[in-house]
């Protein structure tokens, strides 16, 4: 019999964002950053698997989950990075985890504030890749002025169950592996989000923010930022990722200074949800090696 999933961690406002945290325990802290259209609950199971190693804090990026819209309406990657830095200044130096958009945000944070990032774990990070794919093409369409709003309005006419099923089928390698309770929770959350006035703009604004990063040049380009990251880094990538090309993992391996790459043959875009125990084991190994001064060097 499949085990019942644990409840999502309780949350509270810390500064201007909503944060879910595991009970205080280990002295070392960890911060978790979700992807586009995600929320802090994407990390529930990984945080549970790591609660013996770190005290975890997963934030809802501005406008996402239960976080309010930012007062300035800024949903760029840089603005999201400022929100993460604000949480890190509250927790103190921490192990930073990011998935997809959250991976891009975390790279910018680690490059800008090395004093706050002990290690960096990236699950299918959305780093610039201009080779067209179906999933990223949908994000790009959402970023087009007026078209994005029109598409969002039309999508809201589709039942929440259908939208969640389509989304999970895109990001999981095996849709049948999703626990029914997690599907039900996702549907309920989407219905709640449908009633929030700023939800559509938060989604579209964040999509436009990540698309803008793909075309950014100069020293602020995310790949150049990645090359500046000092923290020992773990890249986790599913071979069945339909959104970020697995080939980008090889580029990441060449770019980050101190890095280990783990390719998961049966995972998709959200390995921390699909196989949290496996991701936890790799993250725990990185944290342990960092404590001992044996962090990976392009291994």
C-alpha atoms as a PDB file:
ATOM      1  CA  UNK A   1       0.000   0.000   0.000  1.00  0.00           C
ATOM      2  CA  UNK A   2       1.289   3.465  -0.894  1.00  0.00           C
ATOM      3  CA  UNK A   3       2.046   5.550   2.192  1.00  0.00           C
ATOM      4  CA  UNK A   4      -0.120   8.568   2.806  1.00  0.00           C
ATOM      5  CA  UNK A   5       1.756  11.810   2.063  1.00  0.00           C
ATOM      6  CA  UNK A   6       2.611  14.044   4.982  1.00  0.00           C
ATOM      7  CA  UNK A   7       0.744  17.343   5.487  1.00  0.00           C
ATOM      8  CA  UNK A   8       2.364  20.472   4.122  1.00  0.00           C
ATOM      9  CA  UNK A   9       4.530  22.342   6.619  1.00  0.00           C
ATOM     10  CA  UNK A  10       2.937  25.253   8.501  1.00  0.00           C
ATOM     11  CA  UNK A  11       3.681  28.731   7.218  1.00  0.00           C
ATOM     12  CA  UNK A  12       3.980  32.304   8.388  1.00  0.00           C
ATOM     13  CA  UNK A  13       4.931  35.652   6.969  1.00  0.00           C
ATOM     14  CA  UNK A  14       8.611  36.531   7.205  1.00  0.00           C
ATOM     15  CA  UNK A  15       9.068  40.038   5.915  1.00  0.00           C
ATOM     16  CA  UNK A  16       7.097  40.307   2.679  1.00  0.00           C
ATOM     17  CA  UNK A  17       6.884  36.594   1.802  1.00  0.00           C
ATOM     18  CA  UNK A  18       5.065  33.552   3.125  1.00  0.00           C
ATOM     19  CA  UNK A  19       7.421  30.815   4.358  1.00  0.00           C
ATOM     20  CA  UNK A  20       6.773  27.177   5.335  1.00  0.00           C
ATOM     21  CA  UNK A  21       9.283  25.746   7.795  1.00  0.00           C
ATOM     22  CA  UNK A  22      10.109  22.399   9.344  1.00  0.00           C
ATOM     23  CA  UNK A  23      10.237  22.303  13.164  1.00  0.00           C
ATOM     24  CA  UNK A  24      13.413  23.796  14.642  1.00  0.00           C
ATOM     25  CA  UNK A  25      16.006  21.069  14.878  1.00  0.00           C
ATOM     26  CA  UNK A  26      19.395  20.946  13.181  1.00  0.00           C
ATOM     27  CA  UNK A  27      21.447  24.081  13.569  1.00  0.00           C
ATOM     28  CA  UNK A  28      22.158  24.353   9.854  1.00  0.00           C
ATOM     29  CA  UNK A  29      19.466  26.070   7.791  1.00  0.00           C
ATOM     30  CA  UNK A  30      18.191  25.486   4.258  1.00  0.00           C
ATOM     31  CA  UNK A  31      16.085  27.671   1.970  1.00  0.00           C
ATOM     32  CA  UNK A  32      14.005  26.249  -0.887  1.00  0.00           C
ATOM     33  CA  UNK A  33      12.858  28.215  -3.979  1.00  0.00           C
ATOM     34  CA  UNK A  34      10.078  26.873  -6.230  1.00  0.00           C
ATOM     35  CA  UNK A  35       9.582  27.192  -9.972  1.00  0.00           C
ATOM     36  CA  UNK A  36       7.117  28.985 -12.236  1.00  0.00           C
ATOM     37  CA  UNK A  37       3.484  28.291 -11.262  1.00  0.00           C
ATOM     38  CA  UNK A  38       4.763  26.423  -8.204  1.00  0.00           C
ATOM     39  CA  UNK A  39       4.810  27.219  -4.513  1.00  0.00           C
ATOM     40  CA  UNK A  40       6.497  26.333  -1.244  1.00  0.00           C
ATOM     41  CA  UNK A  41       4.502  23.077  -1.089  1.00  0.00           C
ATOM     42  CA  UNK A  42       6.600  21.707  -3.977  1.00  0.00           C
ATOM     43  CA  UNK A  43       9.306  21.072  -1.371  1.00  0.00           C
ATOM     44  CA  UNK A  44       7.233  19.384   1.362  1.00  0.00           C
ATOM     45  CA  UNK A  45       8.550  15.861   0.850  1.00  0.00           C
ATOM     46  CA  UNK A  46      12.189  16.812   0.288  1.00  0.00           C
ATOM     47  CA  UNK A  47      12.114  18.998   3.408  1.00  0.00           C
ATOM     48  CA  UNK A  48      10.776  16.005   5.337  1.00  0.00           C
ATOM     49  CA  UNK A  49      13.564  13.796   4.001  1.00  0.00           C
ATOM     50  CA  UNK A  50      16.180  16.366   5.042  1.00  0.00           C
ATOM     51  CA  UNK A  51      14.756  17.422   8.409  1.00  0.00           C
ATOM     52  CA  UNK A  52      17.400  15.380  10.228  1.00  0.00           C
ATOM     53  CA  UNK A  53      20.131  17.360   8.454  1.00  0.00           C
ATOM     54  CA  UNK A  54      18.822  20.935   8.111  1.00  0.00           C
ATOM     55  CA  UNK A  55      15.985  23.101   9.376  1.00  0.00           C
ATOM     56  CA  UNK A  56      14.148  23.923   6.161  1.00  0.00           C
ATOM     57  CA  UNK A  57      12.369  27.071   5.007  1.00  0.00           C
ATOM     58  CA  UNK A  58      10.466  27.122   1.698  1.00  0.00           C
ATOM     59  CA  UNK A  59       9.186  30.484   0.567  1.00  0.00           C
ATOM     60  CA  UNK A  60       6.397  31.420  -1.779  1.00  0.00           C
ATOM     61  CA  UNK A  61       7.972  33.868  -4.216  1.00  0.00           C
ATOM     62  CA  UNK A  62       6.251  37.278  -4.348  1.00  0.00           C
ATOM     63  CA  UNK A  63       2.734  36.858  -5.734  1.00  0.00           C
ATOM     64  CA  UNK A  64       2.926  33.041  -5.672  1.00  0.00           C
ATOM     65  CA  UNK A  65       1.423  30.603  -3.199  1.00  0.00           C
ATOM     66  CA  UNK A  66       0.304  32.545  -0.135  1.00  0.00           C
ATOM     67  CA  UNK A  67       2.676  35.488  -0.616  1.00  0.00           C
ATOM     68  CA  UNK A  68       1.080  38.833  -1.443  1.00  0.00           C
ATOM     69  CA  UNK A  69       1.798  40.664  -4.655  1.00  0.00           C
ATOM     70  CA  UNK A  70       4.881  42.894  -4.473  1.00  0.00           C
ATOM     71  CA  UNK A  71       4.005  46.534  -4.009  1.00  0.00           C
ATOM     72  CA  UNK A  72       5.980  47.562  -7.082  1.00  0.00           C
ATOM     73  CA  UNK A  73       4.591  44.779  -9.301  1.00  0.00           C
ATOM     74  CA  UNK A  74       8.132  43.591 -10.060  1.00  0.00           C
ATOM     75  CA  UNK A  75       8.289  39.869 -10.931  1.00  0.00           C
ATOM     76  CA  UNK A  76      11.730  39.803 -12.541  1.00  0.00           C
ATOM     77  CA  UNK A  77      14.306  37.198 -11.582  1.00  0.00           C
ATOM     78  CA  UNK A  78      16.279  39.969  -9.899  1.00  0.00           C
ATOM     79  CA  UNK A  79      13.253  40.952  -7.792  1.00  0.00           C
ATOM     80  CA  UNK A  80      12.649  37.338  -6.799  1.00  0.00           C
ATOM     81  CA  UNK A  81      16.338  37.082  -5.890  1.00  0.00           C
ATOM     82  CA  UNK A  82      15.946  40.063  -3.564  1.00  0.00           C
ATOM     83  CA  UNK A  83      13.079  38.255  -1.824  1.00  0.00           C
ATOM     84  CA  UNK A  84      15.234  35.158  -1.333  1.00  0.00           C
ATOM     85  CA  UNK A  85      18.125  37.262  -0.036  1.00  0.00           C
ATOM     86  CA  UNK A  86      15.726  38.851   2.451  1.00  0.00           C
ATOM     87  CA  UNK A  87      14.826  35.408   3.790  1.00  0.00           C
ATOM     88  CA  UNK A  88      18.488  34.354   3.915  1.00  0.00           C
ATOM     89  CA  UNK A  89      19.323  37.462   5.912  1.00  0.00           C
ATOM     90  CA  UNK A  90      16.650  36.308   8.362  1.00  0.00           C
ATOM     91  CA  UNK A  91      17.815  32.672   8.589  1.00  0.00           C
ATOM     92  CA  UNK A  92      21.521  33.369   8.338  1.00  0.00           C
ATOM     93  CA  UNK A  93      23.824  31.522   5.894  1.00  0.00           C
ATOM     94  CA  UNK A  94      21.997  28.486   4.541  1.00  0.00           C
ATOM     95  CA  UNK A  95      22.022  25.674   2.022  1.00  0.00           C
ATOM     96  CA  UNK A  96      20.074  26.977  -0.973  1.00  0.00           C
ATOM     97  CA  UNK A  97      17.834  24.805  -3.168  1.00  0.00           C
ATOM     98  CA  UNK A  98      16.101  25.909  -6.375  1.00  0.00           C
ATOM     99  CA  UNK A  99      13.968  24.250  -9.044  1.00  0.00           C
ATOM    100  CA  UNK A 100      13.394  25.573 -12.574  1.00  0.00           C
ATOM    101  CA  UNK A 101      12.709  29.328 -12.256  1.00  0.00           C
ATOM    102  CA  UNK A 102      13.756  28.974  -8.630  1.00  0.00           C
ATOM    103  CA  UNK A 103      17.043  27.535  -9.857  1.00  0.00           C
ATOM    104  CA  UNK A 104      17.679  30.618 -11.981  1.00  0.00           C
ATOM    105  CA  UNK A 105      16.792  32.837  -9.011  1.00  0.00           C
ATOM    106  CA  UNK A 106      19.100  30.827  -6.754  1.00  0.00           C
ATOM    107  CA  UNK A 107      22.026  31.179  -9.157  1.00  0.00           C
ATOM    108  CA  UNK A 108      21.633  34.945  -9.077  1.00  0.00           C
ATOM    109  CA  UNK A 109      21.437  34.879  -5.272  1.00  0.00           C
ATOM    110  CA  UNK A 110      24.524  32.681  -4.905  1.00  0.00           C
ATOM    111  CA  UNK A 111      26.530  34.870  -7.277  1.00  0.00           C
ATOM    112  CA  UNK A 112      25.476  38.107  -5.571  1.00  0.00           C
ATOM    113  CA  UNK A 113      25.685  36.999  -1.928  1.00  0.00           C
ATOM    114  CA  UNK A 114      28.227  34.204  -1.482  1.00  0.00           C
ATOM    115  CA  UNK A 115      28.283  35.017   2.237  1.00  0.00           C
ATOM    116  CA  UNK A 116      24.724  33.702   2.569  1.00  0.00           C
ATOM    117  CA  UNK A 117      24.971  30.462   0.566  1.00  0.00           C
ATOM    118  CA  UNK A 118      26.749  27.433   2.051  1.00  0.00           C
ATOM    119  CA  UNK A 119      25.873  25.031  -0.757  1.00  0.00           C
ATOM    120  CA  UNK A 120      23.709  25.283  -3.868  1.00  0.00           C
ATOM    121  CA  UNK A 121      21.436  22.456  -5.058  1.00  0.00           C
ATOM    122  CA  UNK A 122      19.707  23.040  -8.396  1.00  0.00           C
ATOM    123  CA  UNK A 123      16.959  20.752  -9.676  1.00  0.00           C
ATOM    124  CA  UNK A 124      16.502  21.275 -13.436  1.00  0.00           C
ATOM    125  CA  UNK A 125      17.444  24.968 -13.245  1.00  0.00           C
ATOM    126  CA  UNK A 126      15.967  27.191 -15.954  1.00  0.00           C
ATOM    127  CA  UNK A 127      19.237  28.602 -17.257  1.00  0.00           C
ATOM    128  CA  UNK A 128      19.239  30.232 -20.704  1.00  0.00           C
ATOM    129  CA  UNK A 129      18.713  27.853 -23.609  1.00  0.00           C
ATOM    130  CA  UNK A 130      17.552  29.322 -26.911  1.00  0.00           C
ATOM    131  CA  UNK A 131      16.876  25.994 -28.617  1.00  0.00           C
ATOM    132  CA  UNK A 132      13.060  25.852 -28.931  1.00  0.00           C
ATOM    133  CA  UNK A 133      11.102  23.204 -27.027  1.00  0.00           C
ATOM    134  CA  UNK A 134       7.356  22.831 -26.499  1.00  0.00           C
ATOM    135  CA  UNK A 135       7.322  23.616 -22.781  1.00  0.00           C
ATOM    136  CA  UNK A 136       9.518  26.742 -22.935  1.00  0.00           C
ATOM    137  CA  UNK A 137       7.579  27.875 -26.026  1.00  0.00           C
ATOM    138  CA  UNK A 138       4.439  27.960 -23.886  1.00  0.00           C
ATOM    139  CA  UNK A 139       6.239  30.105 -21.319  1.00  0.00           C
ATOM    140  CA  UNK A 140       7.421  32.435 -24.091  1.00  0.00           C
ATOM    141  CA  UNK A 141       3.844  32.739 -25.391  1.00  0.00           C
ATOM    142  CA  UNK A 142       2.662  33.706 -21.900  1.00  0.00           C
ATOM    143  CA  UNK A 143       5.306  36.427 -21.875  1.00  0.00           C
ATOM    144  CA  UNK A 144       4.014  38.143 -25.044  1.00  0.00           C
ATOM    145  CA  UNK A 145       2.185  41.385 -24.178  1.00  0.00           C
ATOM    146  CA  UNK A 146      -1.607  41.002 -24.306  1.00  0.00           C
ATOM    147  CA  UNK A 147      -1.310  37.438 -25.616  1.00  0.00           C
ATOM    148  CA  UNK A 148      -0.264  36.203 -22.183  1.00  0.00           C
ATOM    149  CA  UNK A 149      -3.290  37.794 -20.535  1.00  0.00           C
ATOM    150  CA  UNK A 150      -5.618  36.431 -23.219  1.00  0.00           C
ATOM    151  CA  UNK A 151      -4.249  32.904 -22.851  1.00  0.00           C
ATOM    152  CA  UNK A 152      -4.521  33.092 -19.060  1.00  0.00           C
ATOM    153  CA  UNK A 153      -8.142  34.210 -19.260  1.00  0.00           C
ATOM    154  CA  UNK A 154      -8.980  31.355 -21.621  1.00  0.00           C
ATOM    155  CA  UNK A 155      -7.216  28.795 -19.428  1.00  0.00           C
ATOM    156  CA  UNK A 156      -9.311  29.805 -16.427  1.00  0.00           C
ATOM    157  CA  UNK A 157     -12.351  28.497 -18.305  1.00  0.00           C
ATOM    158  CA  UNK A 158     -10.862  24.986 -18.188  1.00  0.00           C
ATOM    159  CA  UNK A 159     -11.704  23.001 -15.030  1.00  0.00           C
ATOM    160  CA  UNK A 160      -8.942  23.055 -12.441  1.00  0.00           C
ATOM    161  CA  UNK A 161      -8.670  19.245 -12.531  1.00  0.00           C
ATOM    162  CA  UNK A 162      -7.860  19.299 -16.245  1.00  0.00           C
ATOM    163  CA  UNK A 163      -5.275  22.049 -15.855  1.00  0.00           C
ATOM    164  CA  UNK A 164      -3.541  20.254 -12.979  1.00  0.00           C
ATOM    165  CA  UNK A 165      -3.489  16.944 -14.838  1.00  0.00           C
ATOM    166  CA  UNK A 166      -1.937  18.629 -17.881  1.00  0.00           C
ATOM    167  CA  UNK A 167       0.634  20.427 -15.733  1.00  0.00           C
ATOM    168  CA  UNK A 168       1.658  17.316 -13.805  1.00  0.00           C
ATOM    169  CA  UNK A 169       1.858  15.293 -17.018  1.00  0.00           C
ATOM    170  CA  UNK A 170       4.320  17.888 -18.313  1.00  0.00           C
ATOM    171  CA  UNK A 171       6.620  18.076 -15.278  1.00  0.00           C
ATOM    172  CA  UNK A 172       6.519  14.476 -13.950  1.00  0.00           C
ATOM    173  CA  UNK A 173       8.128  11.659 -15.899  1.00  0.00           C
ATOM    174  CA  UNK A 174       5.308   9.318 -14.866  1.00  0.00           C
ATOM    175  CA  UNK A 175       1.965  10.932 -14.128  1.00  0.00           C
ATOM    176  CA  UNK A 176       0.742   7.671 -12.548  1.00  0.00           C
ATOM    177  CA  UNK A 177       3.316   8.080  -9.783  1.00  0.00           C
ATOM    178  CA  UNK A 178       1.587  11.182  -8.368  1.00  0.00           C
ATOM    179  CA  UNK A 179      -0.228  10.337  -5.145  1.00  0.00           C
ATOM    180  CA  UNK A 180      -3.979  11.060  -5.456  1.00  0.00           C
ATOM    181  CA  UNK A 181      -3.887  13.214  -2.322  1.00  0.00           C
ATOM    182  CA  UNK A 182      -1.186  15.418  -3.839  1.00  0.00           C
ATOM    183  CA  UNK A 183      -3.296  15.824  -6.986  1.00  0.00           C
ATOM    184  CA  UNK A 184      -6.319  16.734  -4.900  1.00  0.00           C
ATOM    185  CA  UNK A 185      -4.302  19.297  -2.927  1.00  0.00           C
ATOM    186  CA  UNK A 186      -2.992  20.831  -6.156  1.00  0.00           C
ATOM    187  CA  UNK A 187      -6.517  21.147  -7.568  1.00  0.00           C
ATOM    188  CA  UNK A 188      -7.746  22.817  -4.381  1.00  0.00           C
ATOM    189  CA  UNK A 189      -4.805  25.209  -4.427  1.00  0.00           C
ATOM    190  CA  UNK A 190      -5.424  26.128  -8.069  1.00  0.00           C
ATOM    191  CA  UNK A 191      -9.069  26.859  -7.313  1.00  0.00           C
ATOM    192  CA  UNK A 192      -7.933  29.104  -4.472  1.00  0.00           C
ATOM    193  CA  UNK A 193      -5.478  30.874  -6.752  1.00  0.00           C
ATOM    194  CA  UNK A 194      -8.211  31.419  -9.350  1.00  0.00           C
ATOM    195  CA  UNK A 195      -9.953  33.661  -6.818  1.00  0.00           C
ATOM    196  CA  UNK A 196      -6.876  35.821  -6.121  1.00  0.00           C
ATOM    197  CA  UNK A 197      -6.827  39.047  -8.188  1.00  0.00           C
ATOM    198  CA  UNK A 198      -3.058  39.194  -8.591  1.00  0.00           C
ATOM    199  CA  UNK A 199      -2.516  35.508  -9.422  1.00  0.00           C
ATOM    200  CA  UNK A 200      -2.620  35.883 -13.204  1.00  0.00           C
ATOM    201  CA  UNK A 201      -0.284  38.867 -13.249  1.00  0.00           C
ATOM    202  CA  UNK A 202       2.149  37.101 -10.914  1.00  0.00           C
ATOM    203  CA  UNK A 203       2.289  34.127 -13.261  1.00  0.00           C
ATOM    204  CA  UNK A 204       2.639  36.216 -16.407  1.00  0.00           C
ATOM    205  CA  UNK A 205       5.107  38.614 -14.806  1.00  0.00           C
ATOM    206  CA  UNK A 206       7.336  35.756 -13.629  1.00  0.00           C
ATOM    207  CA  UNK A 207       7.162  34.136 -17.081  1.00  0.00           C
ATOM    208  CA  UNK A 208       8.244  37.410 -18.658  1.00  0.00           C
ATOM    209  CA  UNK A 209      11.019  37.671 -16.101  1.00  0.00           C
ATOM    210  CA  UNK A 210      12.541  34.297 -16.960  1.00  0.00           C
ATOM    211  CA  UNK A 211      12.186  34.871 -20.721  1.00  0.00           C
ATOM    212  CA  UNK A 212      14.021  38.193 -20.336  1.00  0.00           C
ATOM    213  CA  UNK A 213      16.877  36.332 -18.652  1.00  0.00           C
ATOM    214  CA  UNK A 214      17.269  34.061 -21.661  1.00  0.00           C
ATOM    215  CA  UNK A 215      18.131  37.094 -23.800  1.00  0.00           C
ATOM    216  CA  UNK A 216      20.227  39.006 -21.264  1.00  0.00           C
ATOM    217  CA  UNK A 217      23.797  39.629 -22.349  1.00  0.00           C
ATOM    218  CA  UNK A 218      26.926  40.829 -20.609  1.00  0.00           C
ATOM    219  CA  UNK A 219      28.082  40.108 -17.071  1.00  0.00           C
ATOM    220  CA  UNK A 220      24.500  39.799 -15.791  1.00  0.00           C
ATOM    221  CA  UNK A 221      23.780  36.845 -18.095  1.00  0.00           C
ATOM    222  CA  UNK A 222      22.849  33.864 -15.900  1.00  0.00           C
ATOM    223  CA  UNK A 223      25.563  31.623 -17.312  1.00  0.00           C
ATOM    224  CA  UNK A 224      28.165  34.253 -16.432  1.00  0.00           C
ATOM    225  CA  UNK A 225      26.583  34.519 -13.007  1.00  0.00           C
ATOM    226  CA  UNK A 226      26.816  30.735 -12.660  1.00  0.00           C
ATOM    227  CA  UNK A 227      30.546  30.897 -13.367  1.00  0.00           C
ATOM    228  CA  UNK A 228      30.915  33.283 -10.410  1.00  0.00           C
ATOM    229  CA  UNK A 229      29.187  31.023  -7.874  1.00  0.00           C
ATOM    230  CA  UNK A 230      31.590  30.048  -5.112  1.00  0.00           C
ATOM    231  CA  UNK A 231      29.343  27.638  -3.208  1.00  0.00           C
ATOM    232  CA  UNK A 232      29.776  23.892  -3.788  1.00  0.00           C
ATOM    233  CA  UNK A 233      27.005  23.028  -6.246  1.00  0.00           C
ATOM    234  CA  UNK A 234      24.859  19.989  -6.978  1.00  0.00           C
ATOM    235  CA  UNK A 235      22.937  19.779 -10.264  1.00  0.00           C
ATOM    236  CA  UNK A 236      20.094  17.240 -10.310  1.00  0.00           C
ATOM    237  CA  UNK A 237      18.476  16.628 -13.679  1.00  0.00           C
ATOM    238  CA  UNK A 238      15.878  14.136 -14.838  1.00  0.00           C
ATOM    239  CA  UNK A 239      16.469  12.476 -18.193  1.00  0.00           C
ATOM    240  CA  UNK A 240      12.744  12.771 -18.943  1.00  0.00           C
ATOM    241  CA  UNK A 241      12.654  16.538 -18.346  1.00  0.00           C
ATOM    242  CA  UNK A 242      10.315  18.027 -20.964  1.00  0.00           C
ATOM    243  CA  UNK A 243      11.000  21.651 -20.024  1.00  0.00           C
ATOM    244  CA  UNK A 244      14.768  21.991 -19.560  1.00  0.00           C
ATOM    245  CA  UNK A 245      16.932  20.026 -21.981  1.00  0.00           C
ATOM    246  CA  UNK A 246      19.167  17.480 -20.238  1.00  0.00           C
ATOM    247  CA  UNK A 247      21.985  18.838 -22.427  1.00  0.00           C
ATOM    248  CA  UNK A 248      21.892  21.964 -20.257  1.00  0.00           C
ATOM    249  CA  UNK A 249      23.089  19.828 -17.358  1.00  0.00           C
ATOM    250  CA  UNK A 250      26.310  19.136 -19.251  1.00  0.00           C
ATOM    251  CA  UNK A 251      26.774  22.860 -19.840  1.00  0.00           C
ATOM    252  CA  UNK A 252      26.209  23.490 -16.130  1.00  0.00           C
ATOM    253  CA  UNK A 253      28.871  20.904 -15.320  1.00  0.00           C
ATOM    254  CA  UNK A 254      31.331  22.886 -17.453  1.00  0.00           C
ATOM    255  CA  UNK A 255      30.313  26.243 -16.005  1.00  0.00           C
ATOM    256  CA  UNK A 256      30.072  26.031 -12.209  1.00  0.00           C
ATOM    257  CA  UNK A 257      33.369  26.080 -10.332  1.00  0.00           C
ATOM    258  CA  UNK A 258      32.736  23.309  -7.801  1.00  0.00           C
ATOM    259  CA  UNK A 259      29.995  21.014  -9.042  1.00  0.00           C
ATOM    260  CA  UNK A 260      28.601  17.494  -9.101  1.00  0.00           C
ATOM    261  CA  UNK A 261      26.038  16.415 -11.694  1.00  0.00           C
ATOM    262  CA  UNK A 262      23.446  13.718 -10.958  1.00  0.00           C
ATOM    263  CA  UNK A 263      21.311  12.507 -13.863  1.00  0.00           C
ATOM    264  CA  UNK A 264      18.218  10.586 -12.805  1.00  0.00           C
ATOM    265  CA  UNK A 265      17.075   8.186 -15.543  1.00  0.00           C
ATOM    266  CA  UNK A 266      13.443   7.954 -14.420  1.00  0.00           C
ATOM    267  CA  UNK A 267      12.770  11.556 -13.317  1.00  0.00           C
ATOM    268  CA  UNK A 268      11.258  14.537 -15.085  1.00  0.00           C
ATOM    269  CA  UNK A 269      11.379  18.253 -14.283  1.00  0.00           C
ATOM    270  CA  UNK A 270      10.558  18.073 -10.561  1.00  0.00           C
ATOM    271  CA  UNK A 271      12.839  15.368  -9.187  1.00  0.00           C
ATOM    272  CA  UNK A 272      12.470  16.706  -5.646  1.00  0.00           C
ATOM    273  CA  UNK A 273       8.764  15.795  -5.847  1.00  0.00           C
ATOM    274  CA  UNK A 274       9.155  12.604  -7.897  1.00  0.00           C
ATOM    275  CA  UNK A 275      11.945  10.989  -5.866  1.00  0.00           C
ATOM    276  CA  UNK A 276      12.629  13.110  -2.769  1.00  0.00           C
ATOM    277  CA  UNK A 277      14.616  10.404  -0.987  1.00  0.00           C
ATOM    278  CA  UNK A 278      17.101  10.161  -3.849  1.00  0.00           C
ATOM    279  CA  UNK A 279      17.533  13.936  -4.093  1.00  0.00           C
ATOM    280  CA  UNK A 280      17.843  14.141  -0.308  1.00  0.00           C
ATOM    281  CA  UNK A 281      20.623  11.555  -0.288  1.00  0.00           C
ATOM    282  CA  UNK A 282      22.613  13.537  -2.860  1.00  0.00           C
ATOM    283  CA  UNK A 283      22.022  16.842  -1.064  1.00  0.00           C
ATOM    284  CA  UNK A 284      22.982  15.292   2.280  1.00  0.00           C
ATOM    285  CA  UNK A 285      26.197  14.009   0.709  1.00  0.00           C
ATOM    286  CA  UNK A 286      27.038  17.508  -0.553  1.00  0.00           C
ATOM    287  CA  UNK A 287      26.322  19.072   2.825  1.00  0.00           C
ATOM    288  CA  UNK A 288      28.430  16.460   4.612  1.00  0.00           C
ATOM    289  CA  UNK A 289      31.343  16.904   2.205  1.00  0.00           C
ATOM    290  CA  UNK A 290      31.180  20.663   2.603  1.00  0.00           C
ATOM    291  CA  UNK A 291      31.380  20.322   6.370  1.00  0.00           C
ATOM    292  CA  UNK A 292      34.488  18.173   5.919  1.00  0.00           C
ATOM    293  CA  UNK A 293      36.000  20.441   3.290  1.00  0.00           C
ATOM    294  CA  UNK A 294      35.671  17.793   0.564  1.00  0.00           C
ATOM    295  CA  UNK A 295      33.150  19.492  -1.711  1.00  0.00           C
ATOM    296  CA  UNK A 296      32.998  18.320  -5.354  1.00  0.00           C
ATOM    297  CA  UNK A 297      35.133  19.821  -8.057  1.00  0.00           C
ATOM    298  CA  UNK A 298      33.497  19.176 -11.437  1.00  0.00           C
ATOM    299  CA  UNK A 299      32.912  15.520 -10.607  1.00  0.00           C
END
